[in-house]
Amino acid sequence: MPNNAFMNIEPEALYSLFDTLIIPIEKPINSLEIDQVRLNAPTLILFLKSECTSAETEFLRKIYASIGLSSTDVELNILKDSDAINDQIKGKSGTLLLWGIEYDAMEKYSPKIIKDATIIALDALQDIINNPVLKSKLWNCLKPLFLK
């Protein structure tokens, strides 16, 4: 007797099989609830100690382009007082880059996840612009987060 792995289904049985399938009812898109706050939230949030120079602004634009973001995906915050960082990051979600700001004894270029935020302490922008080793560290830090 041959070992046949296939089953033969009579046409009548095949029709009744399809009659018993449960097909989900599609919901129209306008009835779906969308979290508008999360939808409009920036992907990347930057914290700097001072206003950017033109060279730093250009460098940031290159970073945005390399990770597939535009300036509309980014929120920029200038902190005159580094001690205010704890108040500033409360309730933030997304990726927070702290340029030249010490935070909670974090190791630089090592992402730390706190609630809905990934926080990364980095060297100051001007230091990274002039140092190929730091540029490489920055890229190796951002690449796994944004280019999956």
N, C-alpha and C. Protein backbone atom coordinates (compact mmCIF):
# COMPACT_ATOMS: atom_id res chain seq x y z
N MET A 1 0.85 -1.17 0.00
CA MET A 1 0.00 0.00 0.00
C MET A 1 0.90 1.24 0.00
N PRO A 2 0.77 2.15 -0.97
CA PRO A 2 1.62 3.34 -1.03
C PRO A 2 1.27 4.34 0.07
N ASN A 3 2.29 5.00 0.57
CA ASN A 3 2.10 6.02 1.61
C ASN A 3 1.85 7.36 0.91
N ASN A 4 0.61 7.75 0.83
CA ASN A 4 0.23 8.95 0.11
C ASN A 4 -0.07 10.06 1.12
N ALA A 5 0.69 11.17 1.06
CA ALA A 5 0.54 12.26 2.01
C ALA A 5 -0.57 13.22 1.61
N PHE A 6 -1.12 13.06 0.43
CA PHE A 6 -2.15 13.97 -0.03
C PHE A 6 -3.53 13.39 0.23
N MET A 7 -4.45 14.27 0.54
CA MET A 7 -5.84 13.85 0.73
C MET A 7 -6.64 14.26 -0.48
N ASN A 8 -7.57 13.44 -0.81
CA ASN A 8 -8.50 13.80 -1.87
C ASN A 8 -9.77 14.31 -1.21
N ILE A 9 -10.19 15.49 -1.57
CA ILE A 9 -11.40 16.07 -1.03
C ILE A 9 -12.42 16.15 -2.15
N GLU A 10 -13.56 15.60 -1.87
CA GLU A 10 -14.64 15.64 -2.86
C GLU A 10 -15.09 17.08 -3.03
N PRO A 11 -15.53 17.47 -4.22
CA PRO A 11 -15.95 18.85 -4.45
C PRO A 11 -17.03 19.35 -3.50
N GLU A 12 -17.99 18.49 -3.13
CA GLU A 12 -19.05 18.92 -2.21
C GLU A 12 -18.46 19.28 -0.85
N ALA A 13 -17.50 18.48 -0.38
CA ALA A 13 -16.86 18.74 0.92
C ALA A 13 -16.04 20.02 0.85
N LEU A 14 -15.42 20.26 -0.30
CA LEU A 14 -14.62 21.46 -0.48
C LEU A 14 -15.49 22.71 -0.38
N TYR A 15 -16.68 22.66 -0.99
CA TYR A 15 -17.60 23.80 -0.91
C TYR A 15 -18.03 24.07 0.52
N SER A 16 -18.34 23.01 1.27
CA SER A 16 -18.79 23.22 2.64
C SER A 16 -17.63 23.69 3.53
N LEU A 17 -16.40 23.32 3.18
CA LEU A 17 -15.24 23.80 3.93
C LEU A 17 -15.15 25.31 3.83
N PHE A 18 -15.34 25.85 2.65
CA PHE A 18 -15.26 27.30 2.46
C PHE A 18 -16.46 28.03 3.04
N ASP A 19 -17.59 27.34 3.17
CA ASP A 19 -18.76 27.96 3.80
C ASP A 19 -18.55 28.20 5.28
N THR A 20 -17.68 27.42 5.91
CA THR A 20 -17.47 27.54 7.36
C THR A 20 -16.31 28.47 7.71
N LEU A 21 -15.61 28.99 6.75
CA LEU A 21 -14.51 29.92 7.05
C LEU A 21 -15.05 31.21 7.65
N ILE A 22 -14.35 31.73 8.62
CA ILE A 22 -14.75 32.98 9.24
C ILE A 22 -13.85 34.08 8.69
N ILE A 23 -14.44 35.02 8.04
CA ILE A 23 -13.69 36.13 7.45
C ILE A 23 -13.96 37.36 8.30
N PRO A 24 -12.90 38.00 8.80
CA PRO A 24 -13.11 39.18 9.65
C PRO A 24 -13.76 40.32 8.88
N ILE A 25 -14.58 41.05 9.59
CA ILE A 25 -15.24 42.22 9.00
C ILE A 25 -14.25 43.37 9.01
N GLU A 26 -14.07 43.99 7.86
CA GLU A 26 -13.12 45.10 7.76
C GLU A 26 -13.72 46.35 8.36
N LYS A 27 -12.91 47.06 9.13
CA LYS A 27 -13.34 48.34 9.68
C LYS A 27 -12.87 49.45 8.75
N PRO A 28 -13.73 50.42 8.48
CA PRO A 28 -13.26 51.54 7.67
C PRO A 28 -12.19 52.32 8.43
N ILE A 29 -11.23 52.87 7.69
CA ILE A 29 -10.10 53.56 8.30
C ILE A 29 -10.55 54.72 9.18
N ASN A 30 -11.59 55.42 8.80
CA ASN A 30 -11.99 56.58 9.60
C ASN A 30 -12.55 56.20 10.96
N SER A 31 -12.89 54.91 11.17
CA SER A 31 -13.39 54.51 12.48
C SER A 31 -12.27 54.06 13.42
N LEU A 32 -11.06 53.91 12.89
CA LEU A 32 -9.94 53.52 13.74
C LEU A 32 -9.50 54.69 14.59
N GLU A 33 -9.14 54.41 15.82
CA GLU A 33 -8.65 55.46 16.70
C GLU A 33 -7.14 55.58 16.51
N ILE A 34 -6.68 56.78 16.27
CA ILE A 34 -5.26 57.03 16.08
C ILE A 34 -4.79 57.98 17.16
N ASP A 35 -3.70 57.63 17.79
CA ASP A 35 -3.14 58.47 18.83
C ASP A 35 -2.42 59.64 18.16
N GLN A 36 -3.09 60.77 18.02
CA GLN A 36 -2.53 61.93 17.33
C GLN A 36 -1.30 62.48 18.03
N VAL A 37 -1.28 62.42 19.35
CA VAL A 37 -0.12 62.95 20.07
C VAL A 37 1.12 62.16 19.69
N ARG A 38 1.01 60.85 19.67
CA ARG A 38 2.16 60.00 19.33
C ARG A 38 2.52 60.16 17.85
N LEU A 39 1.49 60.33 17.01
CA LEU A 39 1.72 60.46 15.58
C LEU A 39 2.51 61.73 15.26
N ASN A 40 2.25 62.80 15.99
CA ASN A 40 2.92 64.07 15.73
C ASN A 40 4.18 64.26 16.56
N ALA A 41 4.52 63.30 17.39
CA ALA A 41 5.69 63.42 18.25
C ALA A 41 6.96 63.36 17.42
N PRO A 42 7.96 64.15 17.79
CA PRO A 42 9.22 64.09 17.05
C PRO A 42 9.92 62.75 17.27
N THR A 43 10.63 62.31 16.26
CA THR A 43 11.38 61.07 16.34
C THR A 43 12.66 61.26 17.12
N LEU A 44 13.25 62.41 16.96
CA LEU A 44 14.54 62.71 17.55
C LEU A 44 14.45 64.02 18.31
N ILE A 45 14.93 64.02 19.53
CA ILE A 45 14.90 65.23 20.35
C ILE A 45 16.33 65.55 20.76
N LEU A 46 16.78 66.74 20.42
CA LEU A 46 18.15 67.14 20.72
C LEU A 46 18.19 68.11 21.89
N PHE A 47 19.19 67.95 22.71
CA PHE A 47 19.43 68.88 23.81
C PHE A 47 20.86 69.40 23.67
N LEU A 48 21.00 70.71 23.59
CA LEU A 48 22.30 71.35 23.42
C LEU A 48 22.52 72.39 24.52
N LYS A 49 23.78 72.71 24.77
CA LYS A 49 24.09 73.73 25.78
C LYS A 49 23.96 75.14 25.23
N SER A 50 24.10 75.29 23.92
CA SER A 50 24.04 76.64 23.33
C SER A 50 23.50 76.54 21.91
N GLU A 51 23.22 77.70 21.33
CA GLU A 51 22.76 77.74 19.95
C GLU A 51 23.83 77.15 19.03
N CYS A 52 23.39 76.58 17.92
CA CYS A 52 24.31 75.96 16.97
C CYS A 52 24.97 77.00 16.08
N THR A 53 26.23 76.76 15.77
CA THR A 53 26.92 77.55 14.76
C THR A 53 26.46 77.05 13.40
N SER A 54 26.83 77.73 12.34
CA SER A 54 26.42 77.28 11.01
C SER A 54 27.06 75.92 10.68
N ALA A 55 28.28 75.69 11.12
CA ALA A 55 28.94 74.40 10.88
C ALA A 55 28.22 73.28 11.63
N GLU A 56 27.79 73.56 12.86
CA GLU A 56 27.08 72.56 13.64
C GLU A 56 25.71 72.27 13.04
N THR A 57 25.03 73.31 12.56
CA THR A 57 23.73 73.13 11.92
C THR A 57 23.86 72.27 10.68
N GLU A 58 24.88 72.52 9.88
CA GLU A 58 25.11 71.73 8.67
C GLU A 58 25.43 70.27 9.03
N PHE A 59 26.21 70.08 10.08
CA PHE A 59 26.55 68.73 10.55
C PHE A 59 25.28 68.00 11.01
N LEU A 60 24.41 68.69 11.73
CA LEU A 60 23.15 68.07 12.16
C LEU A 60 22.30 67.68 10.95
N ARG A 61 22.24 68.53 9.93
CA ARG A 61 21.48 68.20 8.72
C ARG A 61 22.02 66.93 8.06
N LYS A 62 23.33 66.78 8.05
CA LYS A 62 23.93 65.56 7.49
C LYS A 62 23.55 64.34 8.32
N ILE A 63 23.52 64.50 9.63
CA ILE A 63 23.11 63.40 10.50
C ILE A 63 21.66 63.01 10.22
N TYR A 64 20.77 64.01 10.14
CA TYR A 64 19.36 63.73 9.85
C TYR A 64 19.23 62.94 8.55
N ALA A 65 19.90 63.40 7.51
CA ALA A 65 19.81 62.75 6.20
C ALA A 65 20.35 61.32 6.27
N SER A 66 21.42 61.10 7.00
CA SER A 66 22.03 59.77 7.05
C SER A 66 21.16 58.75 7.78
N ILE A 67 20.29 59.23 8.67
CA ILE A 67 19.41 58.29 9.40
C ILE A 67 17.96 58.36 8.90
N GLY A 68 17.76 59.06 7.79
CA GLY A 68 16.45 59.08 7.14
C GLY A 68 15.43 60.01 7.78
N LEU A 69 15.88 61.08 8.40
CA LEU A 69 14.97 62.04 9.01
C LEU A 69 15.09 63.40 8.34
N SER A 70 14.09 64.23 8.54
CA SER A 70 14.16 65.61 8.10
C SER A 70 14.08 66.50 9.33
N SER A 71 14.26 67.78 9.15
CA SER A 71 14.22 68.69 10.31
C SER A 71 12.85 68.73 10.97
N THR A 72 11.79 68.33 10.25
CA THR A 72 10.46 68.29 10.85
C THR A 72 10.29 67.13 11.83
N ASP A 73 11.19 66.15 11.75
CA ASP A 73 11.15 65.00 12.66
C ASP A 73 11.93 65.25 13.94
N VAL A 74 12.50 66.45 14.05
CA VAL A 74 13.44 66.74 15.14
C VAL A 74 12.94 67.90 15.98
N GLU A 75 13.10 67.78 17.28
CA GLU A 75 12.81 68.86 18.22
C GLU A 75 14.14 69.29 18.83
N LEU A 76 14.41 70.57 18.82
CA LEU A 76 15.67 71.10 19.33
C LEU A 76 15.42 71.88 20.62
N ASN A 77 16.19 71.57 21.66
CA ASN A 77 16.07 72.25 22.95
C ASN A 77 17.44 72.78 23.36
N ILE A 78 17.49 74.04 23.75
CA ILE A 78 18.72 74.64 24.25
C ILE A 78 18.61 74.73 25.77
N LEU A 79 19.58 74.16 26.45
CA LEU A 79 19.59 74.18 27.91
C LEU A 79 20.70 75.10 28.40
N LYS A 80 20.33 76.17 29.01
CA LYS A 80 21.33 77.08 29.58
C LYS A 80 21.90 76.49 30.88
N ASP A 81 21.09 75.70 31.56
CA ASP A 81 21.48 75.11 32.83
C ASP A 81 21.42 73.58 32.69
N SER A 82 22.56 72.91 32.74
CA SER A 82 22.60 71.45 32.58
C SER A 82 21.85 70.73 33.69
N ASP A 83 21.67 71.39 34.82
CA ASP A 83 20.94 70.76 35.93
C ASP A 83 19.46 70.60 35.61
N ALA A 84 18.96 71.35 34.64
CA ALA A 84 17.54 71.30 34.29
C ALA A 84 17.19 70.13 33.38
N ILE A 85 18.16 69.31 33.04
CA ILE A 85 17.91 68.22 32.09
C ILE A 85 16.86 67.24 32.60
N ASN A 86 16.86 66.95 33.88
CA ASN A 86 15.87 66.00 34.43
C ASN A 86 14.45 66.49 34.20
N ASP A 87 14.21 67.77 34.41
CA ASP A 87 12.88 68.33 34.19
C ASP A 87 12.52 68.33 32.70
N GLN A 88 13.50 68.55 31.85
CA GLN A 88 13.26 68.65 30.42
C GLN A 88 12.91 67.31 29.78
N ILE A 89 13.48 66.21 30.27
CA ILE A 89 13.24 64.93 29.60
C ILE A 89 12.04 64.17 30.13
N LYS A 90 11.45 64.65 31.23
CA LYS A 90 10.27 63.97 31.76
C LYS A 90 9.15 63.97 30.73
N GLY A 91 8.57 62.82 30.51
CA GLY A 91 7.44 62.71 29.60
C GLY A 91 7.82 62.69 28.13
N LYS A 92 9.09 62.76 27.80
CA LYS A 92 9.51 62.73 26.40
C LYS A 92 9.60 61.28 25.94
N SER A 93 9.31 61.06 24.68
CA SER A 93 9.47 59.73 24.09
C SER A 93 10.24 59.89 22.79
N GLY A 94 10.79 58.82 22.32
CA GLY A 94 11.61 58.85 21.12
C GLY A 94 13.07 58.72 21.50
N THR A 95 13.94 59.23 20.66
CA THR A 95 15.37 59.19 20.92
C THR A 95 15.83 60.58 21.32
N LEU A 96 16.46 60.66 22.48
CA LEU A 96 16.95 61.93 23.01
C LEU A 96 18.47 61.94 22.93
N LEU A 97 19.01 62.90 22.22
CA LEU A 97 20.46 63.04 22.11
C LEU A 97 20.91 64.22 22.95
N LEU A 98 21.79 63.96 23.90
CA LEU A 98 22.29 65.00 24.78
C LEU A 98 23.70 65.37 24.33
N TRP A 99 23.83 66.47 23.61
CA TRP A 99 25.10 66.91 23.03
C TRP A 99 25.88 67.70 24.08
N GLY A 100 26.96 67.12 24.59
CA GLY A 100 27.81 67.81 25.54
C GLY A 100 27.18 68.03 26.89
N ILE A 101 26.16 67.26 27.22
CA ILE A 101 25.46 67.39 28.50
C ILE A 101 25.63 66.09 29.28
N GLU A 102 26.13 66.23 30.49
CA GLU A 102 26.27 65.06 31.37
C GLU A 102 24.90 64.73 31.95
N TYR A 103 24.56 63.45 31.96
CA TYR A 103 23.27 63.05 32.50
C TYR A 103 23.41 61.74 33.28
N ASP A 104 23.08 61.78 34.53
CA ASP A 104 22.93 60.58 35.35
C ASP A 104 24.13 59.63 35.23
N ALA A 105 25.32 60.19 35.17
CA ALA A 105 26.56 59.41 35.07
C ALA A 105 26.51 58.39 33.92
N MET A 106 25.88 58.79 32.82
CA MET A 106 25.78 57.89 31.66
C MET A 106 27.10 57.81 30.93
N GLU A 107 27.39 56.63 30.42
CA GLU A 107 28.55 56.47 29.55
C GLU A 107 28.18 57.03 28.18
N LYS A 108 29.06 57.81 27.62
CA LYS A 108 28.77 58.41 26.31
C LYS A 108 28.67 57.34 25.24
N TYR A 109 27.77 57.57 24.30
CA TYR A 109 27.53 56.72 23.13
C TYR A 109 26.92 55.37 23.50
N SER A 110 26.39 55.23 24.70
CA SER A 110 25.71 54.00 25.13
C SER A 110 24.25 54.32 25.42
N PRO A 111 23.35 53.90 24.54
CA PRO A 111 21.93 54.21 24.75
C PRO A 111 21.40 53.64 26.06
N LYS A 112 20.58 54.44 26.72
CA LYS A 112 19.93 54.03 27.97
C LYS A 112 18.44 54.22 27.77
N ILE A 113 17.65 53.18 28.00
CA ILE A 113 16.21 53.25 27.81
C ILE A 113 15.54 53.56 29.14
N ILE A 114 14.78 54.66 29.14
CA ILE A 114 14.01 55.06 30.31
C ILE A 114 12.58 55.30 29.85
N LYS A 115 11.67 54.45 30.29
CA LYS A 115 10.26 54.48 29.89
C LYS A 115 10.15 54.42 28.37
N ASP A 116 9.61 55.46 27.73
CA ASP A 116 9.43 55.45 26.27
C ASP A 116 10.55 56.17 25.54
N ALA A 117 11.64 56.47 26.23
CA ALA A 117 12.72 57.25 25.61
C ALA A 117 14.03 56.47 25.61
N THR A 118 14.76 56.63 24.53
CA THR A 118 16.12 56.12 24.45
C THR A 118 17.03 57.35 24.56
N ILE A 119 17.82 57.39 25.62
CA ILE A 119 18.66 58.56 25.89
C ILE A 119 20.11 58.22 25.58
N ILE A 120 20.76 59.12 24.86
CA ILE A 120 22.17 58.92 24.50
C ILE A 120 22.95 60.19 24.84
N ALA A 121 23.92 60.06 25.71
CA ALA A 121 24.82 61.18 26.03
C ALA A 121 25.95 61.17 25.01
N LEU A 122 26.24 62.33 24.45
CA LEU A 122 27.26 62.45 23.40
C LEU A 122 28.21 63.59 23.74
N ASP A 123 29.34 63.60 23.04
CA ASP A 123 30.25 64.73 23.16
C ASP A 123 29.59 65.94 22.52
N ALA A 124 30.15 67.12 22.75
CA ALA A 124 29.64 68.34 22.15
C ALA A 124 29.76 68.26 20.63
N LEU A 125 28.83 68.90 19.94
CA LEU A 125 28.84 68.87 18.47
C LEU A 125 30.19 69.29 17.89
N GLN A 126 30.74 70.38 18.38
CA GLN A 126 31.99 70.89 17.83
C GLN A 126 33.13 69.88 17.99
N ASP A 127 33.13 69.14 19.09
CA ASP A 127 34.16 68.11 19.30
C ASP A 127 34.02 66.98 18.30
N ILE A 128 32.79 66.59 18.00
CA ILE A 128 32.55 65.49 17.07
C ILE A 128 32.89 65.90 15.64
N ILE A 129 32.53 67.12 15.27
CA ILE A 129 32.80 67.61 13.91
C ILE A 129 34.29 67.50 13.58
N ASN A 130 35.14 67.79 14.53
CA ASN A 130 36.58 67.84 14.29
C ASN A 130 37.31 66.53 14.60
N ASN A 131 36.58 65.46 14.92
CA ASN A 131 37.24 64.24 15.35
C ASN A 131 36.64 63.02 14.63
N PRO A 132 37.37 62.42 13.69
CA PRO A 132 36.86 61.26 12.94
C PRO A 132 36.54 60.06 13.83
N VAL A 133 37.27 59.88 14.92
CA VAL A 133 37.00 58.76 15.83
C VAL A 133 35.64 58.95 16.50
N LEU A 134 35.35 60.18 16.94
CA LEU A 134 34.05 60.45 17.56
C LEU A 134 32.91 60.37 16.54
N LYS A 135 33.18 60.78 15.30
CA LYS A 135 32.17 60.64 14.25
C LYS A 135 31.82 59.17 14.04
N SER A 136 32.83 58.33 14.07
CA SER A 136 32.61 56.90 13.91
C SER A 136 31.80 56.34 15.09
N LYS A 137 32.12 56.77 16.30
CA LYS A 137 31.36 56.33 17.48
C LYS A 137 29.90 56.76 17.38
N LEU A 138 29.69 58.00 16.92
CA LEU A 138 28.34 58.52 16.76
C LEU A 138 27.56 57.68 15.75
N TRP A 139 28.17 57.42 14.61
CA TRP A 139 27.51 56.65 13.57
C TRP A 139 27.18 55.23 14.06
N ASN A 140 28.14 54.60 14.74
CA ASN A 140 27.91 53.24 15.25
C ASN A 140 26.83 53.21 16.33
N CYS A 141 26.61 54.32 16.98
CA CYS A 141 25.56 54.43 18.00
C CYS A 141 24.18 54.65 17.35
N LEU A 142 24.11 55.51 16.33
CA LEU A 142 22.83 55.86 15.71
C LEU A 142 22.34 54.81 14.70
N LYS A 143 23.26 54.17 14.03
CA LYS A 143 22.90 53.22 12.97
C LYS A 143 21.93 52.13 13.44
N PRO A 144 22.19 51.42 14.55
CA PRO A 144 21.24 50.37 14.94
C PRO A 144 19.88 50.91 15.39
N LEU A 145 19.83 52.15 15.83
CA LEU A 145 18.57 52.73 16.29
C LEU A 145 17.66 53.16 15.15
N PHE A 146 18.25 53.67 14.07
CA PHE A 146 17.45 54.26 12.99
C PHE A 146 17.46 53.48 11.68
N LEU A 147 18.48 52.69 11.44
CA LEU A 147 18.58 51.97 10.16
C LEU A 147 18.46 50.47 10.41
N LYS A 148 17.23 50.03 10.62
CA LYS A 148 17.00 48.61 10.94
C LYS A 148 16.71 47.83 9.70
